Amino acid sequence: MVESDSLHSAAHALMNEVIEGAKSCGYNLPADVAVEHMKRTETMGPYKPSTLLDFEAGRALEVEAFWGEPLRRARTEEIAMPRLEQLYALLKSLNARCE
């Protein structure tokens, strides 16, 4: 993701969408939190997040906790989160292979 401009942009846009959704739900996050997280990620070197490790091992992904719950909270507040909604749907379909 760090080396791909398009993936970097997509991740940043998703993070900003989630941050705006959180603000609408009463969680005020600093405006630069997405940039700070991206900078921190760039300094970490190669690593695999836990979701990728689960996927590679054929285990179910923690879709509901990581992506489903924020999406449900946004929907309760009638906040549109199309990027998160798309990611959630894709990850749920990946989880179906584990059932």
PDB file of N, CA and C in Angstrom:
ATOM      1  N   MET A   1       0.819  -1.180   0.000  1.00  0.00           N
ATOM      2  CA  MET A   1       0.000   0.000   0.000  1.00  0.00           C
ATOM      3  C   MET A   1       0.870   1.253   0.000  1.00  0.00           C
ATOM      4  N   VAL A   2       1.941   1.229   0.742  1.00  0.00           N
ATOM      5  CA  VAL A   2       2.808   2.394   0.857  1.00  0.00           C
ATOM      6  C   VAL A   2       3.451   2.730  -0.490  1.00  0.00           C
ATOM      7  N   GLU A   3       3.763   1.709  -1.274  1.00  0.00           N
ATOM      8  CA  GLU A   3       4.458   1.922  -2.539  1.00  0.00           C
ATOM      9  C   GLU A   3       3.526   2.188  -3.715  1.00  0.00           C
ATOM     10  N   SER A   4       2.246   2.040  -3.531  1.00  0.00           N
ATOM     11  CA  SER A   4       1.277   2.241  -4.606  1.00  0.00           C
ATOM     12  C   SER A   4       0.501   3.537  -4.355  1.00  0.00           C
ATOM     13  N   ASP A   5       0.647   4.484  -5.270  1.00  0.00           N
ATOM     14  CA  ASP A   5      -0.063   5.752  -5.114  1.00  0.00           C
ATOM     15  C   ASP A   5      -1.574   5.568  -5.062  1.00  0.00           C
ATOM     16  N   SER A   6      -2.096   4.679  -5.902  1.00  0.00           N
ATOM     17  CA  SER A   6      -3.552   4.505  -5.937  1.00  0.00           C
ATOM     18  C   SER A   6      -4.062   3.849  -4.648  1.00  0.00           C
ATOM     19  N   LEU A   7      -3.333   2.855  -4.135  1.00  0.00           N
ATOM     20  CA  LEU A   7      -3.755   2.228  -2.869  1.00  0.00           C
ATOM     21  C   LEU A   7      -3.585   3.193  -1.701  1.00  0.00           C
ATOM     22  N   HIS A   8      -2.526   3.965  -1.728  1.00  0.00           N
ATOM     23  CA  HIS A   8      -2.294   4.965  -0.684  1.00  0.00           C
ATOM     24  C   HIS A   8      -3.440   5.968  -0.668  1.00  0.00           C
ATOM     25  N   SER A   9      -3.835   6.447  -1.846  1.00  0.00           N
ATOM     26  CA  SER A   9      -4.945   7.397  -1.951  1.00  0.00           C
ATOM     27  C   SER A   9      -6.261   6.780  -1.487  1.00  0.00           C
ATOM     28  N   ALA A  10      -6.493   5.531  -1.871  1.00  0.00           N
ATOM     29  CA  ALA A  10      -7.731   4.852  -1.471  1.00  0.00           C
ATOM     30  C   ALA A  10      -7.786   4.671   0.047  1.00  0.00           C
ATOM     31  N   ALA A  11      -6.671   4.274   0.642  1.00  0.00           N
ATOM     32  CA  ALA A  11      -6.630   4.096   2.097  1.00  0.00           C
ATOM     33  C   ALA A  11      -6.850   5.428   2.809  1.00  0.00           C
ATOM     34  N   HIS A  12      -6.224   6.462   2.297  1.00  0.00           N
ATOM     35  CA  HIS A  12      -6.373   7.785   2.910  1.00  0.00           C
ATOM     36  C   HIS A  12      -7.811   8.273   2.803  1.00  0.00           C
ATOM     37  N   ALA A  13      -8.435   8.075   1.660  1.00  0.00           N
ATOM     38  CA  ALA A  13      -9.833   8.483   1.477  1.00  0.00           C
ATOM     39  C   ALA A  13     -10.748   7.705   2.416  1.00  0.00           C
ATOM     40  N   LEU A  14     -10.507   6.405   2.572  1.00  0.00           N
ATOM     41  CA  LEU A  14     -11.303   5.591   3.499  1.00  0.00           C
ATOM     42  C   LEU A  14     -11.118   6.078   4.930  1.00  0.00           C
ATOM     43  N   MET A  15      -9.887   6.347   5.312  1.00  0.00           N
ATOM     44  CA  MET A  15      -9.627   6.845   6.666  1.00  0.00           C
ATOM     45  C   MET A  15     -10.352   8.167   6.908  1.00  0.00           C
ATOM     46  N   ASN A  16     -10.294   9.065   5.946  1.00  0.00           N
ATOM     47  CA  ASN A  16     -10.988  10.349   6.101  1.00  0.00           C
ATOM     48  C   ASN A  16     -12.499  10.165   6.195  1.00  0.00           C
ATOM     49  N   GLU A  17     -13.036   9.222   5.438  1.00  0.00           N
ATOM     50  CA  GLU A  17     -14.471   8.941   5.507  1.00  0.00           C
ATOM     51  C   GLU A  17     -14.839   8.445   6.910  1.00  0.00           C
ATOM     52  N   VAL A  18     -14.041   7.555   7.447  1.00  0.00           N
ATOM     53  CA  VAL A  18     -14.302   7.017   8.786  1.00  0.00           C
ATOM     54  C   VAL A  18     -14.163   8.109   9.845  1.00  0.00           C
ATOM     55  N   ILE A  19     -13.164   8.965   9.690  1.00  0.00           N
ATOM     56  CA  ILE A  19     -12.969  10.068  10.640  1.00  0.00           C
ATOM     57  C   ILE A  19     -14.174  11.006  10.626  1.00  0.00           C
ATOM     58  N   GLU A  20     -14.665  11.327   9.436  1.00  0.00           N
ATOM     59  CA  GLU A  20     -15.851  12.194   9.336  1.00  0.00           C
ATOM     60  C   GLU A  20     -17.075  11.491   9.923  1.00  0.00           C
ATOM     61  N   GLY A  21     -17.198  10.205   9.685  1.00  0.00           N
ATOM     62  CA  GLY A  21     -18.295   9.450  10.278  1.00  0.00           C
ATOM     63  C   GLY A  21     -18.218   9.444  11.793  1.00  0.00           C
ATOM     64  N   ALA A  22     -17.015   9.272  12.317  1.00  0.00           N
ATOM     65  CA  ALA A  22     -16.824   9.288  13.768  1.00  0.00           C
ATOM     66  C   ALA A  22     -17.216  10.642  14.347  1.00  0.00           C
ATOM     67  N   LYS A  23     -16.827  11.700  13.672  1.00  0.00           N
ATOM     68  CA  LYS A  23     -17.187  13.042  14.145  1.00  0.00           C
ATOM     69  C   LYS A  23     -18.692  13.210  14.187  1.00  0.00           C
ATOM     70  N   SER A  24     -19.374  12.704  13.179  1.00  0.00           N
ATOM     71  CA  SER A  24     -20.833  12.806  13.132  1.00  0.00           C
ATOM     72  C   SER A  24     -21.489  12.009  14.244  1.00  0.00           C
ATOM     73  N   CYS A  25     -20.772  11.013  14.762  1.00  0.00           N
ATOM     74  CA  CYS A  25     -21.288  10.202  15.869  1.00  0.00           C
ATOM     75  C   CYS A  25     -20.812  10.731  17.225  1.00  0.00           C
ATOM     76  N   GLY A  26     -20.142  11.894  17.219  1.00  0.00           N
ATOM     77  CA  GLY A  26     -19.728  12.516  18.474  1.00  0.00           C
ATOM     78  C   GLY A  26     -18.301  12.235  18.910  1.00  0.00           C
ATOM     79  N   TYR A  27     -17.505  11.617  18.058  1.00  0.00           N
ATOM     80  CA  TYR A  27     -16.106  11.324  18.385  1.00  0.00           C
ATOM     81  C   TYR A  27     -15.217  12.283  17.602  1.00  0.00           C
ATOM     82  N   ASN A  28     -14.760  13.320  18.254  1.00  0.00           N
ATOM     83  CA  ASN A  28     -13.935  14.309  17.568  1.00  0.00           C
ATOM     84  C   ASN A  28     -12.481  13.866  17.536  1.00  0.00           C
ATOM     85  N   LEU A  29     -12.051  13.530  16.352  1.00  0.00           N
ATOM     86  CA  LEU A  29     -10.665  13.129  16.127  1.00  0.00           C
ATOM     87  C   LEU A  29      -9.923  14.303  15.506  1.00  0.00           C
ATOM     88  N   PRO A  30      -8.623  14.410  15.771  1.00  0.00           N
ATOM     89  CA  PRO A  30      -7.854  15.493  15.167  1.00  0.00           C
ATOM     90  C   PRO A  30      -7.924  15.429  13.641  1.00  0.00           C
ATOM     91  N   ALA A  31      -7.918  16.581  13.004  1.00  0.00           N
ATOM     92  CA  ALA A  31      -8.039  16.664  11.550  1.00  0.00           C
ATOM     93  C   ALA A  31      -6.905  15.941  10.841  1.00  0.00           C
ATOM     94  N   ASP A  32      -5.739  15.879  11.468  1.00  0.00           N
ATOM     95  CA  ASP A  32      -4.568  15.283  10.815  1.00  0.00           C
ATOM     96  C   ASP A  32      -4.321  13.828  11.212  1.00  0.00           C
ATOM     97  N   VAL A  33      -5.285  13.193  11.854  1.00  0.00           N
ATOM     98  CA  VAL A  33      -5.070  11.832  12.352  1.00  0.00           C
ATOM     99  C   VAL A  33      -4.781  10.846  11.218  1.00  0.00           C
ATOM    100  N   ALA A  34      -5.437  10.988  10.088  1.00  0.00           N
ATOM    101  CA  ALA A  34      -5.185  10.074   8.961  1.00  0.00           C
ATOM    102  C   ALA A  34      -3.770  10.254   8.444  1.00  0.00           C
ATOM    103  N   VAL A  35      -3.337  11.493   8.284  1.00  0.00           N
ATOM    104  CA  VAL A  35      -1.979  11.764   7.805  1.00  0.00           C
ATOM    105  C   VAL A  35      -0.948  11.206   8.777  1.00  0.00           C
ATOM    106  N   GLU A  36      -1.182  11.400  10.057  1.00  0.00           N
ATOM    107  CA  GLU A  36      -0.240  10.897  11.070  1.00  0.00           C
ATOM    108  C   GLU A  36      -0.153   9.370  11.043  1.00  0.00           C
ATOM    109  N   HIS A  37      -1.281   8.693  10.893  1.00  0.00           N
ATOM    110  CA  HIS A  37      -1.269   7.225  10.814  1.00  0.00           C
ATOM    111  C   HIS A  37      -0.555   6.744   9.551  1.00  0.00           C
ATOM    112  N   MET A  38      -0.772   7.431   8.452  1.00  0.00           N
ATOM    113  CA  MET A  38      -0.102   7.048   7.207  1.00  0.00           C
ATOM    114  C   MET A  38       1.410   7.236   7.340  1.00  0.00           C
ATOM    115  N   LYS A  39       1.828   8.338   7.946  1.00  0.00           N
ATOM    116  CA  LYS A  39       3.265   8.575   8.153  1.00  0.00           C
ATOM    117  C   LYS A  39       3.869   7.480   9.033  1.00  0.00           C
ATOM    118  N   ARG A  40       3.170   7.122  10.089  1.00  0.00           N
ATOM    119  CA  ARG A  40       3.663   6.089  10.998  1.00  0.00           C
ATOM    120  C   ARG A  40       3.787   4.753  10.259  1.00  0.00           C
ATOM    121  N   THR A  41       2.816   4.444   9.424  1.00  0.00           N
ATOM    122  CA  THR A  41       2.845   3.198   8.652  1.00  0.00           C
ATOM    123  C   THR A  41       4.052   3.170   7.719  1.00  0.00           C
ATOM    124  N   GLU A  42       4.355   4.296   7.106  1.00  0.00           N
ATOM    125  CA  GLU A  42       5.478   4.363   6.173  1.00  0.00           C
ATOM    126  C   GLU A  42       6.818   4.069   6.843  1.00  0.00           C
ATOM    127  N   THR A  43       6.925   4.321   8.130  1.00  0.00           N
ATOM    128  CA  THR A  43       8.192   4.099   8.841  1.00  0.00           C
ATOM    129  C   THR A  43       8.306   2.692   9.436  1.00  0.00           C
ATOM    130  N   MET A  44       7.269   1.910   9.351  1.00  0.00           N
ATOM    131  CA  MET A  44       7.245   0.602  10.009  1.00  0.00           C
ATOM    132  C   MET A  44       8.000  -0.480   9.252  1.00  0.00           C
ATOM    133  N   GLY A  45       8.186  -0.296   7.981  1.00  0.00           N
ATOM    134  CA  GLY A  45       8.804  -1.361   7.199  1.00  0.00           C
ATOM    135  C   GLY A  45       7.771  -2.422   6.869  1.00  0.00           C
ATOM    136  N   PRO A  46       8.179  -3.445   6.124  1.00  0.00           N
ATOM    137  CA  PRO A  46       7.229  -4.494   5.724  1.00  0.00           C
ATOM    138  C   PRO A  46       6.626  -5.218   6.941  1.00  0.00           C
ATOM    139  N   TYR A  47       5.336  -5.393   6.921  1.00  0.00           N
ATOM    140  CA  TYR A  47       4.634  -6.142   7.960  1.00  0.00           C
ATOM    141  C   TYR A  47       3.301  -6.606   7.404  1.00  0.00           C
ATOM    142  N   LYS A  48       2.699  -7.554   8.081  1.00  0.00           N
ATOM    143  CA  LYS A  48       1.375  -8.042   7.691  1.00  0.00           C
ATOM    144  C   LYS A  48       0.406  -7.766   8.834  1.00  0.00           C
ATOM    145  N   PRO A  49      -0.661  -7.017   8.552  1.00  0.00           N
ATOM    146  CA  PRO A  49      -1.656  -6.779   9.598  1.00  0.00           C
ATOM    147  C   PRO A  49      -2.383  -8.079   9.956  1.00  0.00           C
ATOM    148  N   SER A  50      -2.983  -8.093  11.114  1.00  0.00           N
ATOM    149  CA  SER A  50      -3.626  -9.307  11.615  1.00  0.00           C
ATOM    150  C   SER A  50      -4.709  -9.820  10.661  1.00  0.00           C
ATOM    151  N   THR A  51      -5.409  -8.928   9.990  1.00  0.00           N
ATOM    152  CA  THR A  51      -6.439  -9.358   9.056  1.00  0.00           C
ATOM    153  C   THR A  51      -5.837 -10.144   7.893  1.00  0.00           C
ATOM    154  N   LEU A  52      -4.709  -9.695   7.398  1.00  0.00           N
ATOM    155  CA  LEU A  52      -4.038 -10.415   6.315  1.00  0.00           C
ATOM    156  C   LEU A  52      -3.530 -11.768   6.810  1.00  0.00           C
ATOM    157  N   LEU A  53      -2.988 -11.802   8.012  1.00  0.00           N
ATOM    158  CA  LEU A  53      -2.531 -13.083   8.570  1.00  0.00           C
ATOM    159  C   LEU A  53      -3.689 -14.062   8.705  1.00  0.00           C
ATOM    160  N   ASP A  54      -4.838 -13.572   9.162  1.00  0.00           N
ATOM    161  CA  ASP A  54      -6.022 -14.436   9.260  1.00  0.00           C
ATOM    162  C   ASP A  54      -6.439 -14.939   7.887  1.00  0.00           C
ATOM    163  N   PHE A  55      -6.463 -14.046   6.905  1.00  0.00           N
ATOM    164  CA  PHE A  55      -6.853 -14.420   5.544  1.00  0.00           C
ATOM    165  C   PHE A  55      -5.920 -15.496   4.997  1.00  0.00           C
ATOM    166  N   GLU A  56      -4.630 -15.287   5.124  1.00  0.00           N
ATOM    167  CA  GLU A  56      -3.653 -16.241   4.603  1.00  0.00           C
ATOM    168  C   GLU A  56      -3.744 -17.602   5.289  1.00  0.00           C
ATOM    169  N   ALA A  57      -4.143 -17.589   6.557  1.00  0.00           N
ATOM    170  CA  ALA A  57      -4.272 -18.841   7.309  1.00  0.00           C
ATOM    171  C   ALA A  57      -5.641 -19.499   7.116  1.00  0.00           C
ATOM    172  N   GLY A  58      -6.521 -18.860   6.340  1.00  0.00           N
ATOM    173  CA  GLY A  58      -7.845 -19.424   6.115  1.00  0.00           C
ATOM    174  C   GLY A  58      -8.799 -19.237   7.276  1.00  0.00           C
ATOM    175  N   ARG A  59      -8.454 -18.326   8.189  1.00  0.00           N
ATOM    176  CA  ARG A  59      -9.328 -18.054   9.334  1.00  0.00           C
ATOM    177  C   ARG A  59     -10.317 -16.949   8.989  1.00  0.00           C
ATOM    178  N   ALA A  60     -11.425 -16.936   9.715  1.00  0.00           N
ATOM    179  CA  ALA A  60     -12.419 -15.881   9.537  1.00  0.00           C
ATOM    180  C   ALA A  60     -11.811 -14.535   9.916  1.00  0.00           C
ATOM    181  N   LEU A  61     -12.175 -13.524   9.174  1.00  0.00           N
ATOM    182  CA  LEU A  61     -11.695 -12.168   9.441  1.00  0.00           C
ATOM    183  C   LEU A  61     -12.601 -11.503  10.472  1.00  0.00           C
ATOM    184  N   GLU A  62     -12.064 -10.568  11.217  1.00  0.00           N
ATOM    185  CA  GLU A  62     -12.845  -9.861  12.229  1.00  0.00           C
ATOM    186  C   GLU A  62     -13.629  -8.712  11.579  1.00  0.00           C
ATOM    187  N   VAL A  63     -14.456  -9.076  10.645  1.00  0.00           N
ATOM    188  CA  VAL A  63     -15.166  -8.095   9.830  1.00  0.00           C
ATOM    189  C   VAL A  63     -16.136  -7.260  10.660  1.00  0.00           C
ATOM    190  N   GLU A  64     -16.912  -7.907  11.495  1.00  0.00           N
ATOM    191  CA  GLU A  64     -17.947  -7.182  12.233  1.00  0.00           C
ATOM    192  C   GLU A  64     -17.356  -6.172  13.207  1.00  0.00           C
ATOM    193  N   ALA A  65     -16.330  -6.553  13.940  1.00  0.00           N
ATOM    194  CA  ALA A  65     -15.746  -5.645  14.923  1.00  0.00           C
ATOM    195  C   ALA A  65     -15.031  -4.468  14.270  1.00  0.00           C
ATOM    196  N   PHE A  66     -14.270  -4.740  13.223  1.00  0.00           N
ATOM    197  CA  PHE A  66     -13.446  -3.698  12.615  1.00  0.00           C
ATOM    198  C   PHE A  66     -14.206  -2.812  11.636  1.00  0.00           C
ATOM    199  N   TRP A  67     -15.099  -3.397  10.844  1.00  0.00           N
ATOM    200  CA  TRP A  67     -15.759  -2.647   9.784  1.00  0.00           C
ATOM    201  C   TRP A  67     -17.276  -2.615   9.928  1.00  0.00           C
ATOM    202  N   GLY A  68     -17.876  -3.667  10.402  1.00  0.00           N
ATOM    203  CA  GLY A  68     -19.331  -3.714  10.519  1.00  0.00           C
ATOM    204  C   GLY A  68     -19.876  -2.769  11.563  1.00  0.00           C
ATOM    205  N   GLU A  69     -19.274  -2.773  12.737  1.00  0.00           N
ATOM    206  CA  GLU A  69     -19.795  -1.923  13.818  1.00  0.00           C
ATOM    207  C   GLU A  69     -19.695  -0.436  13.483  1.00  0.00           C
ATOM    208  N   PRO A  70     -18.567   0.056  12.994  1.00  0.00           N
ATOM    209  CA  PRO A  70     -18.550   1.482  12.601  1.00  0.00           C
ATOM    210  C   PRO A  70     -19.583   1.807  11.520  1.00  0.00           C
ATOM    211  N   LEU A  71     -19.776   0.887  10.581  1.00  0.00           N
ATOM    212  CA  LEU A  71     -20.757   1.123   9.532  1.00  0.00           C
ATOM    213  C   LEU A  71     -22.167   1.162  10.110  1.00  0.00           C
ATOM    214  N   ARG A  72     -22.480   0.248  11.012  1.00  0.00           N
ATOM    215  CA  ARG A  72     -23.817   0.245  11.639  1.00  0.00           C
ATOM    216  C   ARG A  72     -24.049   1.534  12.424  1.00  0.00           C
ATOM    217  N   ARG A  73     -23.040   1.987  13.136  1.00  0.00           N
ATOM    218  CA  ARG A  73     -23.194   3.241  13.894  1.00  0.00           C
ATOM    219  C   ARG A  73     -23.418   4.426  12.966  1.00  0.00           C
ATOM    220  N   ALA A  74     -22.719   4.452  11.853  1.00  0.00           N
ATOM    221  CA  ALA A  74     -22.907   5.525  10.881  1.00  0.00           C
ATOM    222  C   ALA A  74     -24.321   5.476  10.305  1.00  0.00           C
ATOM    223  N   ARG A  75     -24.786   4.289   9.996  1.00  0.00           N
ATOM    224  CA  ARG A  75     -26.140   4.150   9.441  1.00  0.00           C
ATOM    225  C   ARG A  75     -27.189   4.627  10.435  1.00  0.00           C
ATOM    226  N   THR A  76     -26.975   4.351  11.731  1.00  0.00           N
ATOM    227  CA  THR A  76     -27.900   4.807  12.768  1.00  0.00           C
ATOM    228  C   THR A  76     -28.018   6.330  12.752  1.00  0.00           C
ATOM    229  N   GLU A  77     -26.903   6.995  12.465  1.00  0.00           N
ATOM    230  CA  GLU A  77     -26.885   8.459  12.397  1.00  0.00           C
ATOM    231  C   GLU A  77     -27.193   8.972  10.989  1.00  0.00           C
ATOM    232  N   GLU A  78     -27.548   8.058  10.083  1.00  0.00           N
ATOM    233  CA  GLU A  78     -27.849   8.385   8.690  1.00  0.00           C
ATOM    234  C   GLU A  78     -26.677   9.069   7.988  1.00  0.00           C
ATOM    235  N   ILE A  79     -25.479   8.535   8.243  1.00  0.00           N
ATOM    236  CA  ILE A  79     -24.257   9.043   7.634  1.00  0.00           C
ATOM    237  C   ILE A  79     -23.868   8.108   6.499  1.00  0.00           C
ATOM    238  N   ALA A  80     -23.674   8.651   5.323  1.00  0.00           N
ATOM    239  CA  ALA A  80     -23.257   7.846   4.172  1.00  0.00           C
ATOM    240  C   ALA A  80     -21.759   7.562   4.270  1.00  0.00           C
ATOM    241  N   MET A  81     -21.408   6.297   4.141  1.00  0.00           N
ATOM    242  CA  MET A  81     -20.005   5.886   4.153  1.00  0.00           C
ATOM    243  C   MET A  81     -19.796   4.871   3.027  1.00  0.00           C
ATOM    244  N   PRO A  82     -19.825   5.328   1.776  1.00  0.00           N
ATOM    245  CA  PRO A  82     -19.772   4.393   0.648  1.00  0.00           C
ATOM    246  C   PRO A  82     -18.482   3.585   0.563  1.00  0.00           C
ATOM    247  N   ARG A  83     -17.351   4.166   0.897  1.00  0.00           N
ATOM    248  CA  ARG A  83     -16.087   3.419   0.836  1.00  0.00           C
ATOM    249  C   ARG A  83     -16.081   2.301   1.876  1.00  0.00           C
ATOM    250  N   LEU A  84     -16.488   2.635   3.094  1.00  0.00           N
ATOM    251  CA  LEU A  84     -16.528   1.629   4.149  1.00  0.00           C
ATOM    252  C   LEU A  84     -17.558   0.560   3.818  1.00  0.00           C
ATOM    253  N   GLU A  85     -18.673   0.962   3.274  1.00  0.00           N
ATOM    254  CA  GLU A  85     -19.709   0.003   2.901  1.00  0.00           C
ATOM    255  C   GLU A  85     -19.193  -0.984   1.848  1.00  0.00           C
ATOM    256  N   GLN A  86     -18.459  -0.488   0.875  1.00  0.00           N
ATOM    257  CA  GLN A  86     -17.898  -1.354  -0.163  1.00  0.00           C
ATOM    258  C   GLN A  86     -16.851  -2.304   0.423  1.00  0.00           C
ATOM    259  N   LEU A  87     -15.975  -1.786   1.257  1.00  0.00           N
ATOM    260  CA  LEU A  87     -14.961  -2.632   1.877  1.00  0.00           C
ATOM    261  C   LEU A  87     -15.606  -3.701   2.752  1.00  0.00           C
ATOM    262  N   TYR A  88     -16.600  -3.315   3.511  1.00  0.00           N
ATOM    263  CA  TYR A  88     -17.316  -4.251   4.373  1.00  0.00           C
ATOM    264  C   TYR A  88     -17.932  -5.389   3.554  1.00  0.00           C
ATOM    265  N   ALA A  89     -18.569  -5.046   2.447  1.00  0.00           N
ATOM    266  CA  ALA A  89     -19.180  -6.065   1.594  1.00  0.00           C
ATOM    267  C   ALA A  89     -18.130  -7.014   1.020  1.00  0.00           C
ATOM    268  N   LEU A  90     -17.021  -6.469   0.581  1.00  0.00           N
ATOM    269  CA  LEU A  90     -15.947  -7.310   0.026  1.00  0.00           C
ATOM    270  C   LEU A  90     -15.364  -8.251   1.085  1.00  0.00           C
ATOM    271  N   LEU A  91     -15.125  -7.725   2.261  1.00  0.00           N
ATOM    272  CA  LEU A  91     -14.544  -8.559   3.327  1.00  0.00           C
ATOM    273  C   LEU A  91     -15.527  -9.613   3.812  1.00  0.00           C
ATOM    274  N   LYS A  92     -16.810  -9.275   3.851  1.00  0.00           N
ATOM    275  CA  LYS A  92     -17.818 -10.285   4.213  1.00  0.00           C
ATOM    276  C   LYS A  92     -17.828 -11.420   3.189  1.00  0.00           C
ATOM    277  N   SER A  93     -17.664 -11.078   1.927  1.00  0.00           N
ATOM    278  CA  SER A  93     -17.646 -12.127   0.906  1.00  0.00           C
ATOM    279  C   SER A  93     -16.406 -13.012   1.053  1.00  0.00           C
ATOM    280  N   LEU A  94     -15.298 -12.433   1.440  1.00  0.00           N
ATOM    281  CA  LEU A  94     -14.105 -13.242   1.718  1.00  0.00           C
ATOM    282  C   LEU A  94     -14.337 -14.168   2.910  1.00  0.00           C
ATOM    283  N   ASN A  95     -15.039 -13.682   3.892  1.00  0.00           N
ATOM    284  CA  ASN A  95     -15.329 -14.499   5.069  1.00  0.00           C
ATOM    285  C   ASN A  95     -16.205 -15.699   4.732  1.00  0.00           C
ATOM    286  N   ALA A  96     -17.040 -15.547   3.739  1.00  0.00           N
ATOM    287  CA  ALA A  96     -17.948 -16.625   3.360  1.00  0.00           C
ATOM    288  C   ALA A  96     -17.182 -17.877   2.956  1.00  0.00           C
ATOM    289  N   ARG A  97     -15.964 -17.725   2.484  1.00  0.00           N
ATOM    290  CA  ARG A  97     -15.160 -18.884   2.070  1.00  0.00           C
ATOM    291  C   ARG A  97     -14.724 -19.726   3.281  1.00  0.00           C
ATOM    292  N   CYS A  98     -14.772 -19.141   4.466  1.00  0.00           N
ATOM    293  CA  CYS A  98     -14.345 -19.857   5.683  1.00  0.00           C
ATOM    294  C   CYS A  98     -15.488 -20.639   6.314  1.00  0.00           C
ATOM    295  N   GLU A  99     -16.691 -20.398   5.844  1.00  0.00           N
ATOM    296  CA  GLU A  99     -17.860 -21.048   6.483  1.00  0.00           C
ATOM    297  C   GLU A  99     -18.109 -22.427   5.903  1.00  0.00           C
TER     298      GLU A  99
END
